[in-house]
């Protein structure tokens, strides 16, 4: 009988390194987008929390963006 299952019981350093790179690749552009629309880039941390990221996306889609001047700014520019 082999002991291959023992090697799969936990996450090694390589797994955590790949996870950290994936998070950085995800959070950096989201933070840049949020800062361009006038929000804090720290809100991008919500993108890695399941279900919260979907709620945040919907809230962001229908919210007045501070960098755009809100509803009043859209009416003046139109």
PDB file of N, CA and C in Angstrom:
ATOM      1  N   UNK A   1       0.849  -1.181   0.000  1.00  0.00           N
ATOM      2  CA  UNK A   1       0.000   0.000   0.000  1.00  0.00           C
ATOM      3  C   UNK A   1       0.898   1.248   0.000  1.00  0.00           C
ATOM      4  N   UNK A   2       0.550   2.212  -0.840  1.00  0.00           N
ATOM      5  CA  UNK A   2       1.351   3.439  -0.908  1.00  0.00           C
ATOM      6  C   UNK A   2       0.797   4.491   0.042  1.00  0.00           C
ATOM      7  N   UNK A   3       1.623   5.463   0.301  1.00  0.00           N
ATOM      8  CA  UNK A   3       1.216   6.544   1.207  1.00  0.00           C
ATOM      9  C   UNK A   3       1.053   7.858   0.448  1.00  0.00           C
ATOM     10  N   UNK A   4       0.534   7.810  -0.744  1.00  0.00           N
ATOM     11  CA  UNK A   4       0.337   9.023  -1.534  1.00  0.00           C
ATOM     12  C   UNK A   4      -0.674   9.972  -0.887  1.00  0.00           C
ATOM     13  N   UNK A   5      -1.620   9.439  -0.171  1.00  0.00           N
ATOM     14  CA  UNK A   5      -2.636  10.281   0.449  1.00  0.00           C
ATOM     15  C   UNK A   5      -2.039  11.184   1.518  1.00  0.00           C
ATOM     16  N   UNK A   6      -0.920  10.825   2.090  1.00  0.00           N
ATOM     17  CA  UNK A   6      -0.293  11.649   3.126  1.00  0.00           C
ATOM     18  C   UNK A   6       0.196  12.968   2.540  1.00  0.00           C
ATOM     19  N   UNK A   7       0.685  12.937   1.305  1.00  0.00           N
ATOM     20  CA  UNK A   7       1.182  14.147   0.680  1.00  0.00           C
ATOM     21  C   UNK A   7       0.077  15.125   0.313  1.00  0.00           C
ATOM     22  N   UNK A   8      -1.163  14.704   0.312  1.00  0.00           N
ATOM     23  CA  UNK A   8      -2.271  15.550  -0.093  1.00  0.00           C
ATOM     24  C   UNK A   8      -3.084  16.069   1.090  1.00  0.00           C
ATOM     25  N   UNK A   9      -2.620  15.875   2.280  1.00  0.00           N
ATOM     26  CA  UNK A   9      -3.434  16.235   3.438  1.00  0.00           C
ATOM     27  C   UNK A   9      -3.400  17.718   3.768  1.00  0.00           C
ATOM     28  N   UNK A  10      -2.425  18.458   3.319  1.00  0.00           N
ATOM     29  CA  UNK A  10      -2.342  19.868   3.645  1.00  0.00           C
ATOM     30  C   UNK A  10      -1.785  20.670   2.497  1.00  0.00           C
ATOM     31  N   UNK A  11      -1.793  21.950   2.682  1.00  0.00           N
ATOM     32  CA  UNK A  11      -1.262  22.852   1.672  1.00  0.00           C
ATOM     33  C   UNK A  11       0.180  23.166   2.002  1.00  0.00           C
ATOM     34  N   UNK A  12       1.032  23.052   1.023  1.00  0.00           N
ATOM     35  CA  UNK A  12       2.435  23.359   1.213  1.00  0.00           C
ATOM     36  C   UNK A  12       2.725  24.811   0.880  1.00  0.00           C
ATOM     37  N   UNK A  13       3.973  25.179   0.993  1.00  0.00           N
ATOM     38  CA  UNK A  13       4.396  26.552   0.713  1.00  0.00           C
ATOM     39  C   UNK A  13       4.133  26.927  -0.738  1.00  0.00           C
ATOM     40  N   UNK A  14       4.294  25.988  -1.645  1.00  0.00           N
ATOM     41  CA  UNK A  14       4.043  26.257  -3.057  1.00  0.00           C
ATOM     42  C   UNK A  14       2.588  26.621  -3.335  1.00  0.00           C
ATOM     43  N   UNK A  15       1.671  25.948  -2.668  1.00  0.00           N
ATOM     44  CA  UNK A  15       0.251  26.260  -2.835  1.00  0.00           C
ATOM     45  C   UNK A  15      -0.064  27.669  -2.354  1.00  0.00           C
ATOM     46  N   UNK A  16       0.495  28.044  -1.211  1.00  0.00           N
ATOM     47  CA  UNK A  16       0.246  29.377  -0.669  1.00  0.00           C
ATOM     48  C   UNK A  16       0.880  30.451  -1.534  1.00  0.00           C
ATOM     49  N   UNK A  17       2.031  30.159  -2.133  1.00  0.00           N
ATOM     50  CA  UNK A  17       2.680  31.126  -3.022  1.00  0.00           C
ATOM     51  C   UNK A  17       1.827  31.355  -4.266  1.00  0.00           C
ATOM     52  N   UNK A  18       1.306  30.284  -4.842  1.00  0.00           N
ATOM     53  CA  UNK A  18       0.434  30.420  -6.009  1.00  0.00           C
ATOM     54  C   UNK A  18      -0.833  31.186  -5.635  1.00  0.00           C
ATOM     55  N   UNK A  19      -1.393  30.897  -4.476  1.00  0.00           N
ATOM     56  CA  UNK A  19      -2.582  31.604  -4.001  1.00  0.00           C
ATOM     57  C   UNK A  19      -2.297  33.093  -3.833  1.00  0.00           C
ATOM     58  N   UNK A  20      -1.151  33.446  -3.255  1.00  0.00           N
ATOM     59  CA  UNK A  20      -0.796  34.852  -3.055  1.00  0.00           C
ATOM     60  C   UNK A  20      -0.627  35.577  -4.385  1.00  0.00           C
ATOM     61  N   UNK A  21      -0.019  34.927  -5.361  1.00  0.00           N
ATOM     62  CA  UNK A  21       0.143  35.549  -6.685  1.00  0.00           C
ATOM     63  C   UNK A  21      -1.221  35.755  -7.342  1.00  0.00           C
ATOM     64  N   UNK A  22      -2.096  34.770  -7.223  1.00  0.00           N
ATOM     65  CA  UNK A  22      -3.429  34.895  -7.808  1.00  0.00           C
ATOM     66  C   UNK A  22      -4.210  36.042  -7.167  1.00  0.00           C
ATOM     67  N   UNK A  23      -4.095  36.178  -5.862  1.00  0.00           N
ATOM     68  CA  UNK A  23      -4.784  37.267  -5.168  1.00  0.00           C
ATOM     69  C   UNK A  23      -4.228  38.618  -5.612  1.00  0.00           C
ATOM     70  N   UNK A  24      -2.910  38.723  -5.732  1.00  0.00           N
ATOM     71  CA  UNK A  24      -2.294  39.979  -6.164  1.00  0.00           C
ATOM     72  C   UNK A  24      -2.719  40.330  -7.593  1.00  0.00           C
ATOM     73  N   UNK A  25      -2.763  39.330  -8.462  1.00  0.00           N
ATOM     74  CA  UNK A  25      -3.172  39.565  -9.848  1.00  0.00           C
ATOM     75  C   UNK A  25      -4.632  40.002  -9.912  1.00  0.00           C
ATOM     76  N   UNK A  26      -5.436  39.557  -8.992  1.00  0.00           N
ATOM     77  CA  UNK A  26      -6.844  39.939  -8.947  1.00  0.00           C
ATOM     78  C   UNK A  26      -7.041  41.313  -8.297  1.00  0.00           C
ATOM     79  N   UNK A  27      -6.394  41.543  -7.173  1.00  0.00           N
ATOM     80  CA  UNK A  27      -6.661  42.753  -6.402  1.00  0.00           C
ATOM     81  C   UNK A  27      -6.063  44.021  -7.005  1.00  0.00           C
ATOM     82  N   UNK A  28      -4.918  43.923  -7.643  1.00  0.00           N
ATOM     83  CA  UNK A  28      -4.283  45.132  -8.173  1.00  0.00           C
ATOM     84  C   UNK A  28      -5.155  45.850  -9.207  1.00  0.00           C
ATOM     85  N   UNK A  29      -5.642  45.164 -10.251  1.00  0.00           N
ATOM     86  CA  UNK A  29      -6.474  45.897 -11.214  1.00  0.00           C
ATOM     87  C   UNK A  29      -7.808  46.364 -10.625  1.00  0.00           C
ATOM     88  N   UNK A  30      -8.369  45.587  -9.721  1.00  0.00           N
ATOM     89  CA  UNK A  30      -9.618  46.025  -9.088  1.00  0.00           C
ATOM     90  C   UNK A  30      -9.375  47.290  -8.268  1.00  0.00           C
ATOM     91  N   UNK A  31      -8.271  47.328  -7.544  1.00  0.00           N
ATOM     92  CA  UNK A  31      -7.930  48.531  -6.780  1.00  0.00           C
ATOM     93  C   UNK A  31      -7.714  49.742  -7.665  1.00  0.00           C
ATOM     94  N   UNK A  32      -7.078  49.545  -8.813  1.00  0.00           N
ATOM     95  CA  UNK A  32      -6.865  50.656  -9.754  1.00  0.00           C
ATOM     96  C   UNK A  32      -8.190  51.177 -10.301  1.00  0.00           C
ATOM     97  N   UNK A  33      -9.093  50.269 -10.633  1.00  0.00           N
ATOM     98  CA  UNK A  33     -10.401  50.684 -11.146  1.00  0.00           C
ATOM     99  C   UNK A  33     -11.163  51.462 -10.079  1.00  0.00           C
ATOM    100  N   UNK A  34     -11.138  50.955  -8.850  1.00  0.00           N
ATOM    101  CA  UNK A  34     -11.852  51.639  -7.768  1.00  0.00           C
ATOM    102  C   UNK A  34     -11.269  53.024  -7.498  1.00  0.00           C
ATOM    103  N   UNK A  35      -9.960  53.164  -7.568  1.00  0.00           N
ATOM    104  CA  UNK A  35      -9.368  54.487  -7.336  1.00  0.00           C
ATOM    105  C   UNK A  35      -9.693  55.444  -8.474  1.00  0.00           C
ATOM    106  N   UNK A  36      -9.840  54.939  -9.691  1.00  0.00           N
ATOM    107  CA  UNK A  36     -10.197  55.812 -10.820  1.00  0.00           C
ATOM    108  C   UNK A  36     -11.630  56.312 -10.739  1.00  0.00           C
ATOM    109  N   UNK A  37     -12.509  55.563 -10.103  1.00  0.00           N
ATOM    110  CA  UNK A  37     -13.886  56.032  -9.972  1.00  0.00           C
ATOM    111  C   UNK A  37     -14.106  56.795  -8.671  1.00  0.00           C
ATOM    112  N   UNK A  38     -13.026  56.985  -7.910  1.00  0.00           N
ATOM    113  CA  UNK A  38     -13.112  57.825  -6.722  1.00  0.00           C
ATOM    114  C   UNK A  38     -13.330  57.089  -5.423  1.00  0.00           C
ATOM    115  N   UNK A  39     -13.184  55.788  -5.409  1.00  0.00           N
ATOM    116  CA  UNK A  39     -13.339  55.006  -4.180  1.00  0.00           C
ATOM    117  C   UNK A  39     -11.982  54.525  -3.694  1.00  0.00           C
ATOM    118  N   UNK A  40     -11.922  54.113  -2.454  1.00  0.00           N
ATOM    119  CA  UNK A  40     -10.680  53.611  -1.891  1.00  0.00           C
ATOM    120  C   UNK A  40     -10.331  52.266  -2.507  1.00  0.00           C
ATOM    121  N   UNK A  41      -9.069  52.080  -2.919  1.00  0.00           N
ATOM    122  CA  UNK A  41      -8.678  50.789  -3.477  1.00  0.00           C
ATOM    123  C   UNK A  41      -8.714  49.648  -2.461  1.00  0.00           C
ATOM    124  N   UNK A  42      -8.797  49.974  -1.179  1.00  0.00           N
ATOM    125  CA  UNK A  42      -8.874  48.934  -0.154  1.00  0.00           C
ATOM    126  C   UNK A  42     -10.179  48.140  -0.239  1.00  0.00           C
ATOM    127  N   UNK A  43     -11.195  48.698  -0.888  1.00  0.00           N
ATOM    128  CA  UNK A  43     -12.445  47.973  -1.075  1.00  0.00           C
ATOM    129  C   UNK A  43     -12.253  46.739  -1.945  1.00  0.00           C
ATOM    130  N   UNK A  44     -11.141  46.666  -2.673  1.00  0.00           N
ATOM    131  CA  UNK A  44     -10.899  45.510  -3.545  1.00  0.00           C
ATOM    132  C   UNK A  44     -10.706  44.224  -2.748  1.00  0.00           C
ATOM    133  N   UNK A  45     -10.417  44.338  -1.467  1.00  0.00           N
ATOM    134  CA  UNK A  45     -10.252  43.145  -0.627  1.00  0.00           C
ATOM    135  C   UNK A  45     -11.552  42.341  -0.570  1.00  0.00           C
ATOM    136  N   UNK A  46     -12.681  43.008  -0.729  1.00  0.00           N
ATOM    137  CA  UNK A  46     -13.968  42.308  -0.713  1.00  0.00           C
ATOM    138  C   UNK A  46     -14.109  41.342  -1.878  1.00  0.00           C
ATOM    139  N   UNK A  47     -13.297  41.505  -2.910  1.00  0.00           N
ATOM    140  CA  UNK A  47     -13.395  40.642  -4.094  1.00  0.00           C
ATOM    141  C   UNK A  47     -12.982  39.211  -3.805  1.00  0.00           C
ATOM    142  N   UNK A  48     -12.276  38.954  -2.736  1.00  0.00           N
ATOM    143  CA  UNK A  48     -11.834  37.593  -2.440  1.00  0.00           C
ATOM    144  C   UNK A  48     -12.738  36.882  -1.439  1.00  0.00           C
ATOM    145  N   UNK A  49     -13.793  37.544  -1.001  1.00  0.00           N
ATOM    146  CA  UNK A  49     -14.728  36.934  -0.055  1.00  0.00           C
ATOM    147  C   UNK A  49     -15.943  36.439  -0.837  1.00  0.00           C
ATOM    148  N   UNK A  50     -16.185  35.128  -0.838  1.00  0.00           N
ATOM    149  CA  UNK A  50     -17.313  34.599  -1.606  1.00  0.00           C
ATOM    150  C   UNK A  50     -18.641  35.218  -1.182  1.00  0.00           C
ATOM    151  N   UNK A  51     -19.517  35.400  -2.092  1.00  0.00           N
ATOM    152  CA  UNK A  51     -20.849  35.989  -1.974  1.00  0.00           C
ATOM    153  C   UNK A  51     -20.758  37.497  -1.729  1.00  0.00           C
ATOM    154  N   UNK A  52     -19.860  37.949  -0.864  1.00  0.00           N
ATOM    155  CA  UNK A  52     -19.687  39.380  -0.631  1.00  0.00           C
ATOM    156  C   UNK A  52     -19.222  40.051  -1.917  1.00  0.00           C
ATOM    157  N   UNK A  53     -18.389  39.363  -2.708  1.00  0.00           N
ATOM    158  CA  UNK A  53     -17.923  39.951  -3.954  1.00  0.00           C
ATOM    159  C   UNK A  53     -19.077  40.161  -4.940  1.00  0.00           C
ATOM    160  N   UNK A  54     -20.022  39.251  -4.975  1.00  0.00           N
ATOM    161  CA  UNK A  54     -21.173  39.427  -5.860  1.00  0.00           C
ATOM    162  C   UNK A  54     -22.081  40.565  -5.398  1.00  0.00           C
ATOM    163  N   UNK A  55     -22.293  40.639  -4.105  1.00  0.00           N
ATOM    164  CA  UNK A  55     -23.104  41.738  -3.558  1.00  0.00           C
ATOM    165  C   UNK A  55     -22.416  43.072  -3.825  1.00  0.00           C
ATOM    166  N   UNK A  56     -21.106  43.121  -3.606  1.00  0.00           N
ATOM    167  CA  UNK A  56     -20.352  44.356  -3.852  1.00  0.00           C
ATOM    168  C   UNK A  56     -20.392  44.786  -5.307  1.00  0.00           C
ATOM    169  N   UNK A  57     -20.342  43.828  -6.218  1.00  0.00           N
ATOM    170  CA  UNK A  57     -20.417  44.141  -7.639  1.00  0.00           C
ATOM    171  C   UNK A  57     -21.750  44.769  -7.996  1.00  0.00           C
ATOM    172  N   UNK A  58     -22.831  44.209  -7.470  1.00  0.00           N
ATOM    173  CA  UNK A  58     -24.156  44.767  -7.747  1.00  0.00           C
ATOM    174  C   UNK A  58     -24.336  46.145  -7.108  1.00  0.00           C
ATOM    175  N   UNK A  59     -23.839  46.319  -5.893  1.00  0.00           N
ATOM    176  CA  UNK A  59     -23.931  47.633  -5.233  1.00  0.00           C
ATOM    177  C   UNK A  59     -23.134  48.662  -6.032  1.00  0.00           C
ATOM    178  N   UNK A  60     -21.948  48.292  -6.468  1.00  0.00           N
ATOM    179  CA  UNK A  60     -21.107  49.199  -7.250  1.00  0.00           C
ATOM    180  C   UNK A  60     -21.747  49.552  -8.586  1.00  0.00           C
ATOM    181  N   UNK A  61     -22.408  48.597  -9.207  1.00  0.00           N
ATOM    182  CA  UNK A  61     -23.026  48.832 -10.511  1.00  0.00           C
ATOM    183  C   UNK A  61     -24.149  49.856 -10.447  1.00  0.00           C
ATOM    184  N   UNK A  62     -24.873  49.896  -9.347  1.00  0.00           N
ATOM    185  CA  UNK A  62     -26.023  50.791  -9.253  1.00  0.00           C
ATOM    186  C   UNK A  62     -25.803  51.993  -8.348  1.00  0.00           C
ATOM    187  N   UNK A  63     -24.611  52.140  -7.791  1.00  0.00           N
ATOM    188  CA  UNK A  63     -24.324  53.270  -6.902  1.00  0.00           C
ATOM    189  C   UNK A  63     -23.894  54.492  -7.708  1.00  0.00           C
ATOM    190  N   UNK A  64     -24.042  55.667  -7.103  1.00  0.00           N
ATOM    191  CA  UNK A  64     -23.488  56.887  -7.680  1.00  0.00           C
ATOM    192  C   UNK A  64     -22.009  56.914  -7.362  1.00  0.00           C
ATOM    193  N   UNK A  65     -21.182  57.010  -8.380  1.00  0.00           N
ATOM    194  CA  UNK A  65     -19.743  56.992  -8.191  1.00  0.00           C
ATOM    195  C   UNK A  65     -19.252  58.373  -7.795  1.00  0.00           C
ATOM    196  N   UNK A  66     -18.480  58.470  -6.696  1.00  0.00           N
ATOM    197  CA  UNK A  66     -18.007  59.778  -6.239  1.00  0.00           C
ATOM    198  C   UNK A  66     -17.197  60.522  -7.296  1.00  0.00           C
ATOM    199  N   UNK A  67     -16.429  59.855  -8.079  1.00  0.00           N
ATOM    200  CA  UNK A  67     -15.603  60.503  -9.095  1.00  0.00           C
ATOM    201  C   UNK A  67     -16.403  61.046 -10.264  1.00  0.00           C
ATOM    202  N   UNK A  68     -17.632  60.602 -10.411  1.00  0.00           N
ATOM    203  CA  UNK A  68     -18.468  61.031 -11.530  1.00  0.00           C
ATOM    204  C   UNK A  68     -19.428  62.148 -11.145  1.00  0.00           C
ATOM    205  N   UNK A  69     -19.512  62.513  -9.895  1.00  0.00           N
ATOM    206  CA  UNK A  69     -20.387  63.596  -9.479  1.00  0.00           C
ATOM    207  C   UNK A  69     -21.804  63.173  -9.161  1.00  0.00           C
ATOM    208  N   UNK A  70     -22.100  61.905  -9.144  1.00  0.00           N
ATOM    209  CA  UNK A  70     -23.424  61.423  -8.787  1.00  0.00           C
ATOM    210  C   UNK A  70     -24.444  61.681  -9.880  1.00  0.00           C
ATOM    211  N   UNK A  71     -25.710  61.593  -9.523  1.00  0.00           N
ATOM    212  CA  UNK A  71     -26.788  61.758 -10.493  1.00  0.00           C
ATOM    213  C   UNK A  71     -26.830  63.172 -11.061  1.00  0.00           C
ATOM    214  N   UNK A  72     -26.513  64.159 -10.238  1.00  0.00           N
ATOM    215  CA  UNK A  72     -26.523  65.549 -10.706  1.00  0.00           C
ATOM    216  C   UNK A  72     -25.445  65.769 -11.768  1.00  0.00           C
ATOM    217  N   UNK A  73     -24.301  65.141 -11.614  1.00  0.00           N
ATOM    218  CA  UNK A  73     -23.218  65.282 -12.585  1.00  0.00           C
ATOM    219  C   UNK A  73     -23.573  64.639 -13.915  1.00  0.00           C
ATOM    220  N   UNK A  74     -24.308  63.564 -13.902  1.00  0.00           N
ATOM    221  CA  UNK A  74     -24.702  62.913 -15.136  1.00  0.00           C
ATOM    222  C   UNK A  74     -25.720  63.746 -15.897  1.00  0.00           C
ATOM    223  N   UNK A  75     -26.631  64.428 -15.190  1.00  0.00           N
ATOM    224  CA  UNK A  75     -27.641  65.222 -15.853  1.00  0.00           C
ATOM    225  C   UNK A  75     -27.017  66.452 -16.499  1.00  0.00           C
ATOM    226  N   UNK A  76     -26.030  67.049 -15.873  1.00  0.00           N
ATOM    227  CA  UNK A  76     -25.382  68.236 -16.444  1.00  0.00           C
ATOM    228  C   UNK A  76     -24.600  67.883 -17.693  1.00  0.00           C
ATOM    229  N   UNK A  77     -23.938  66.721 -17.670  1.00  0.00           N
ATOM    230  CA  UNK A  77     -23.104  66.328 -18.808  1.00  0.00           C
ATOM    231  C   UNK A  77     -23.895  65.810 -19.991  1.00  0.00           C
ATOM    232  N   UNK A  78     -25.132  65.436 -19.769  1.00  0.00           N
ATOM    233  CA  UNK A  78     -25.927  64.832 -20.855  1.00  0.00           C
ATOM    234  C   UNK A  78     -26.564  65.844 -21.745  1.00  0.00           C
TER     235      UNK A  78
END
